[in-house]
Amino acid sequence: MERITTPCINFCWIEPGEDICEGCGRTRAEVAQWCFISEDERRAIMPALKDRLAKWKADRAAKQETVP
C-alpha cells in the first residue's frame, strides 16, 4: 500500500465555529476527505496551506484585538 502525502503535524485542532485546522491549515472538508482524494488533488492543495494558515491566524489575532 502506497503512503499518502499529508501535511498533518499530529496537532489537529479546529476551534468551534471555525473551519481551519490550527496544525496544518486544511479545512474541515479537506481533513475529512483527505484519504479519499487523489494524490494529485492533495499535492494541489498543499502549497496553499502555509499561507492559508498564516492568514487565518492573522485574521483571528486582529479579531481578538478588537474585542473589548
C-alpha atoms as a PDB file:
ATOM      1  CA  MET A   1       0.000   0.000   0.000  1.00  0.00           C
ATOM      2  CA  GLU A   2       1.344   3.404  -1.004  1.00  0.00           C
ATOM      3  CA  ARG A   3       1.722   6.022   1.710  1.00  0.00           C
ATOM      4  CA  ILE A   4      -0.292   9.186   1.054  1.00  0.00           C
ATOM      5  CA  THR A   5       1.134  12.686   1.137  1.00  0.00           C
ATOM      6  CA  THR A   6      -0.141  14.636   4.116  1.00  0.00           C
ATOM      7  CA  PRO A   7       0.550  17.995   5.761  1.00  0.00           C
ATOM      8  CA  CYS A   8      -0.529  16.637   9.148  1.00  0.00           C
ATOM      9  CA  ILE A   9       1.823  17.532  12.013  1.00  0.00           C
ATOM     10  CA  ASN A  10      -0.135  15.476  14.584  1.00  0.00           C
ATOM     11  CA  PHE A  11      -1.654  18.584  16.123  1.00  0.00           C
ATOM     12  CA  CYS A  12      -5.260  18.588  14.978  1.00  0.00           C
ATOM     13  CA  TRP A  13      -7.431  21.328  16.403  1.00  0.00           C
ATOM     14  CA  ILE A  14     -10.346  23.130  14.817  1.00  0.00           C
ATOM     15  CA  GLU A  15     -11.947  25.754  17.047  1.00  0.00           C
ATOM     16  CA  PRO A  16     -15.736  25.575  17.346  1.00  0.00           C
ATOM     17  CA  GLY A  17     -17.203  27.888  14.726  1.00  0.00           C
ATOM     18  CA  GLU A  18     -14.009  27.887  12.657  1.00  0.00           C
ATOM     19  CA  ASP A  19     -13.090  25.896   9.560  1.00  0.00           C
ATOM     20  CA  ILE A  20      -9.276  25.659   9.649  1.00  0.00           C
ATOM     21  CA  CYS A  21      -7.082  23.100  11.410  1.00  0.00           C
ATOM     22  CA  GLU A  22      -4.574  25.022  13.523  1.00  0.00           C
ATOM     23  CA  GLY A  23      -1.953  22.356  12.910  1.00  0.00           C
ATOM     24  CA  CYS A  24      -1.904  22.012   9.135  1.00  0.00           C
ATOM     25  CA  GLY A  25      -4.206  24.659   7.677  1.00  0.00           C
ATOM     26  CA  ARG A  26      -6.621  22.292   5.991  1.00  0.00           C
ATOM     27  CA  THR A  27     -10.350  22.952   6.102  1.00  0.00           C
ATOM     28  CA  ARG A  28     -12.720  20.563   7.885  1.00  0.00           C
ATOM     29  CA  ALA A  29     -13.817  19.224   4.498  1.00  0.00           C
ATOM     30  CA  GLU A  30     -10.233  18.671   3.351  1.00  0.00           C
ATOM     31  CA  VAL A  31      -9.362  16.804   6.554  1.00  0.00           C
ATOM     32  CA  ALA A  32     -12.461  14.623   6.208  1.00  0.00           C
ATOM     33  CA  GLN A  33     -11.832  13.835   2.534  1.00  0.00           C
ATOM     34  CA  TRP A  34      -8.026  13.598   2.552  1.00  0.00           C
ATOM     35  CA  CYS A  35      -7.886   9.793   2.365  1.00  0.00           C
ATOM     36  CA  PHE A  36     -10.415   9.743  -0.461  1.00  0.00           C
ATOM     37  CA  ILE A  37      -8.987  12.339  -2.852  1.00  0.00           C
ATOM     38  CA  SER A  38      -6.253  11.609  -5.356  1.00  0.00           C
ATOM     39  CA  GLU A  39      -2.573  12.209  -4.772  1.00  0.00           C
ATOM     40  CA  ASP A  40      -2.707  14.898  -7.473  1.00  0.00           C
ATOM     41  CA  GLU A  41      -5.521  16.681  -5.614  1.00  0.00           C
ATOM     42  CA  ARG A  42      -3.572  16.510  -2.339  1.00  0.00           C
ATOM     43  CA  ARG A  43      -0.439  17.888  -3.996  1.00  0.00           C
ATOM     44  CA  ALA A  44      -2.515  20.739  -5.491  1.00  0.00           C
ATOM     45  CA  ILE A  45      -3.887  21.743  -2.071  1.00  0.00           C
ATOM     46  CA  MET A  46      -0.669  21.530  -0.055  1.00  0.00           C
ATOM     47  CA  PRO A  47       1.210  24.582  -1.421  1.00  0.00           C
ATOM     48  CA  ALA A  48      -1.570  26.926  -0.242  1.00  0.00           C
ATOM     49  CA  LEU A  49      -1.767  25.597   3.319  1.00  0.00           C
ATOM     50  CA  LYS A  50       1.065  27.585   4.893  1.00  0.00           C
ATOM     51  CA  ASP A  51      -0.247  30.919   3.579  1.00  0.00           C
ATOM     52  CA  ARG A  52      -3.854  29.974   4.394  1.00  0.00           C
ATOM     53  CA  LEU A  53      -2.925  29.153   7.986  1.00  0.00           C
ATOM     54  CA  ALA A  54      -0.880  32.342   8.383  1.00  0.00           C
ATOM     55  CA  LYS A  55      -3.767  34.456   7.059  1.00  0.00           C
ATOM     56  CA  TRP A  56      -6.243  32.681   9.322  1.00  0.00           C
ATOM     57  CA  LYS A  57      -4.025  33.280  12.367  1.00  0.00           C
ATOM     58  CA  ALA A  58      -3.557  36.959  11.469  1.00  0.00           C
ATOM     59  CA  ASP A  59      -7.312  37.417  10.981  1.00  0.00           C
ATOM     60  CA  ARG A  60      -8.014  35.709  14.297  1.00  0.00           C
ATOM     61  CA  ALA A  61      -5.470  37.901  16.091  1.00  0.00           C
ATOM     62  CA  ALA A  62      -6.992  41.027  14.560  1.00  0.00           C
ATOM     63  CA  LYS A  63     -10.466  39.953  15.738  1.00  0.00           C
ATOM     64  CA  GLN A  64      -9.173  39.408  19.266  1.00  0.00           C
ATOM     65  CA  GLU A  65      -7.611  42.884  19.307  1.00  0.00           C
ATOM     66  CA  THR A  66     -10.974  44.473  18.510  1.00  0.00           C
ATOM     67  CA  VAL A  67     -12.890  42.642  21.235  1.00  0.00           C
ATOM     68  CA  PRO A  68     -13.437  44.988  24.222  1.00  0.00           C
END
